C-alpha atoms as a PDB file:
ATOM      1  CA  MET A   1     -11.526  20.339  15.742  1.00  0.00           C
ATOM      2  CA  SER A   2     -11.232  22.338  12.950  1.00  0.00           C
ATOM      3  CA  SER A   3     -13.423  21.721   9.942  1.00  0.00           C
ATOM      4  CA  ASN A   4     -10.285  21.505   7.858  1.00  0.00           C
ATOM      5  CA  LEU A   5      -9.055  18.292   9.875  1.00  0.00           C
ATOM      6  CA  VAL A   6     -12.829  16.701   9.531  1.00  0.00           C
ATOM      7  CA  ASP A   7     -13.014  17.349   5.827  1.00  0.00           C
ATOM      8  CA  LEU A   8      -9.504  15.524   5.227  1.00  0.00           C
ATOM      9  CA  LEU A   9     -10.611  12.622   7.723  1.00  0.00           C
ATOM     10  CA  PHE A  10     -13.707  12.406   5.581  1.00  0.00           C
ATOM     11  CA  ILE A  11     -11.721  12.166   2.384  1.00  0.00           C
ATOM     12  CA  PHE A  12      -9.299   9.545   3.860  1.00  0.00           C
ATOM     13  CA  MET A  13     -12.146   7.509   4.863  1.00  0.00           C
ATOM     14  CA  LEU A  14     -13.870   7.901   1.459  1.00  0.00           C
ATOM     15  CA  ALA A  15     -10.602   7.121  -0.296  1.00  0.00           C
ATOM     16  CA  CYS A  16     -10.372   3.746   2.041  1.00  0.00           C
ATOM     17  CA  PHE A  17     -14.076   2.982   1.371  1.00  0.00           C
ATOM     18  CA  ILE A  18     -13.377   2.996  -2.584  1.00  0.00           C
ATOM     19  CA  GLY A  19      -9.833   1.269  -2.521  1.00  0.00           C
ATOM     20  CA  PHE A  20     -11.215  -1.241  -0.552  1.00  0.00           C
ATOM     21  CA  GLU A  21     -14.552  -1.959  -2.721  1.00  0.00           C
ATOM     22  CA  VAL A  22     -12.145  -1.524  -5.898  1.00  0.00           C
ATOM     23  CA  ILE A  23      -9.682  -4.195  -4.726  1.00  0.00           C
ATOM     24  CA  ARG A  24     -12.413  -6.656  -3.729  1.00  0.00           C
ATOM     25  CA  ARG A  25     -13.821  -6.793  -7.276  1.00  0.00           C
ATOM     26  CA  VAL A  26     -10.820  -7.971  -8.858  1.00  0.00           C
ATOM     27  CA  SER A  27     -10.885 -11.008 -10.579  1.00  0.00           C
ATOM     28  CA  PRO A  28      -8.235 -13.537  -8.927  1.00  0.00           C
ATOM     29  CA  LEU A  29      -5.909 -13.571 -12.460  1.00  0.00           C
ATOM     30  CA  LEU A  30      -5.399 -10.237 -11.809  1.00  0.00           C
ATOM     31  CA  HIS A  31      -3.654 -10.202  -8.682  1.00  0.00           C
ATOM     32  CA  THR A  32      -0.372 -10.155  -9.423  1.00  0.00           C
ATOM     33  CA  PRO A  33      -0.439  -7.388 -12.051  1.00  0.00           C
ATOM     34  CA  LEU A  34      -2.508  -5.448  -8.827  1.00  0.00           C
ATOM     35  CA  MET A  35      -0.223  -6.227  -6.524  1.00  0.00           C
ATOM     36  CA  SER A  36       2.816  -4.554  -8.696  1.00  0.00           C
ATOM     37  CA  LEU A  37       0.638  -1.666  -8.990  1.00  0.00           C
ATOM     38  CA  THR A  38       0.099  -1.243  -5.269  1.00  0.00           C
ATOM     39  CA  ASN A  39       3.815  -1.359  -4.530  1.00  0.00           C
ATOM     40  CA  ALA A  40       4.147   1.701  -6.736  1.00  0.00           C
ATOM     41  CA  LEU A  41       1.670   3.382  -4.970  1.00  0.00           C
ATOM     42  CA  ASP A  42       2.664   2.189  -1.544  1.00  0.00           C
ATOM     43  CA  ALA A  43       5.903   3.650  -2.656  1.00  0.00           C
ATOM     44  CA  ILE A  44       4.560   6.984  -3.291  1.00  0.00           C
ATOM     45  CA  ALA A  45       2.531   6.663   0.132  1.00  0.00           C
ATOM     46  CA  VAL A  46       5.688   6.006   1.993  1.00  0.00           C
ATOM     47  CA  VAL A  47       7.618   9.165   0.431  1.00  0.00           C
ATOM     48  CA  GLY A  48       4.444  11.097   1.299  1.00  0.00           C
ATOM     49  CA  ALA A  49       4.511   9.844   4.684  1.00  0.00           C
ATOM     50  CA  ILE A  50       8.313  10.500   5.256  1.00  0.00           C
ATOM     51  CA  VAL A  51       7.682  14.183   4.159  1.00  0.00           C
ATOM     52  CA  MET A  52       4.762  14.553   6.640  1.00  0.00           C
ATOM     53  CA  ALA A  53       6.756  13.030   9.502  1.00  0.00           C
ATOM     54  CA  GLY A  54       9.827  15.253   8.748  1.00  0.00           C
ATOM     55  CA  GLU A  55       8.067  18.586   8.929  1.00  0.00           C
ATOM     56  CA  HIS A  56       7.399  18.278  12.234  1.00  0.00           C
ATOM     57  CA  LYS A  57       4.453  20.870  11.950  1.00  0.00           C
ATOM     58  CA  SER A  58       2.924  19.245  14.715  1.00  0.00           C
ATOM     59  CA  THR A  59       3.035  15.978  17.215  1.00  0.00           C
ATOM     60  CA  PHE A  60       0.102  14.640  15.618  1.00  0.00           C
ATOM     61  CA  ALA A  61       1.397  15.264  12.278  1.00  0.00           C
ATOM     62  CA  THR A  62       4.573  13.308  13.111  1.00  0.00           C
ATOM     63  CA  ILE A  63       2.839  10.488  14.909  1.00  0.00           C
ATOM     64  CA  LEU A  64       0.200   9.736  11.795  1.00  0.00           C
ATOM     65  CA  GLY A  65       3.373  10.105   9.523  1.00  0.00           C
ATOM     66  CA  THR A  66       5.283   7.549  11.309  1.00  0.00           C
ATOM     67  CA  ILE A  67       2.102   5.188  11.255  1.00  0.00           C
ATOM     68  CA  ALA A  68       2.023   5.764   7.649  1.00  0.00           C
ATOM     69  CA  ILE A  69       5.310   4.942   6.865  1.00  0.00           C
ATOM     70  CA  VAL A  70       5.060   1.421   8.956  1.00  0.00           C
ATOM     71  CA  ALA A  71       1.673   0.776   7.292  1.00  0.00           C
ATOM     72  CA  ALA A  72       3.095   1.353   3.882  1.00  0.00           C
ATOM     73  CA  THR A  73       6.249  -0.121   4.139  1.00  0.00           C
ATOM     74  CA  SER A  74       4.782  -3.573   5.969  1.00  0.00           C
ATOM     75  CA  ASN A  75       2.186  -3.454   2.773  1.00  0.00           C
ATOM     76  CA  ILE A  76       5.056  -3.259  -0.001  1.00  0.00           C
ATOM     77  CA  VAL A  77       6.974  -5.943   1.887  1.00  0.00           C
ATOM     78  CA  GLY A  78       3.780  -7.912   1.964  1.00  0.00           C
ATOM     79  CA  GLY A  79       2.927  -7.510  -1.678  1.00  0.00           C
ATOM     80  CA  PHE A  80       6.597  -8.419  -2.790  1.00  0.00           C
ATOM     81  CA  LEU A  81       6.480 -11.682  -0.803  1.00  0.00           C
ATOM     82  CA  ILE A  82       2.987 -12.413  -1.951  1.00  0.00           C
ATOM     83  CA  THR A  83       4.048 -11.695  -5.754  1.00  0.00           C
ATOM     84  CA  ASP A  84       7.198 -14.151  -5.256  1.00  0.00           C
ATOM     85  CA  ARG A  85       5.062 -16.840  -3.861  1.00  0.00           C
ATOM     86  CA  MET A  86       2.454 -16.603  -6.798  1.00  0.00           C
ATOM     87  CA  LEU A  87       5.413 -16.511  -9.193  1.00  0.00           C
ATOM     88  CA  LYS A  88       6.964 -19.580  -7.871  1.00  0.00           C
ATOM     89  CA  MET A  89       4.058 -21.511  -8.281  1.00  0.00           C
ATOM     90  CA  PHE A  90       4.286 -21.322 -11.933  1.00  0.00           C
ATOM     91  CA  LYS A  91       8.011 -22.399 -12.090  1.00  0.00           C
ATOM     92  CA  SER A  92       8.552 -26.136 -13.377  1.00  0.00           C
ATOM     93  CA  SER A  93       9.953 -28.476 -10.599  1.00  0.00           C
ATOM     94  CA  ARG A  94      11.425 -30.564 -13.345  1.00  0.00           C
ATOM     95  CA  PRO A  95      14.908 -29.970 -14.437  1.00  0.00           C
ATOM     96  CA  ALA A  96      15.363 -28.251 -17.573  1.00  0.00           C
ATOM     97  CA  LYS A  97      16.032 -30.388 -20.578  1.00  0.00           C
ATOM     98  CA  PRO A  98      19.661 -30.103 -22.001  1.00  0.00           C
END
């Protein structure tokens, strides 16, 4: 493996570790705003993955781009589902007063 690929993999692993530690320490009261922020960041990741997969520089890059598209898209969809479910918890089940 080239040293450039090793450097990029090291940066990726470091980013994963730091992201996990930051999200793990967030108060439960902040999870809905955090979820909307992660949805925005995942949208950026999807665009970057589409560019990476679409360039066809190598088969490996195309496969990694496709995996990144699937992973980030599933994270976005899951985030919207969880946020929607949390917001439904705050709605009143009683009918509105006229």
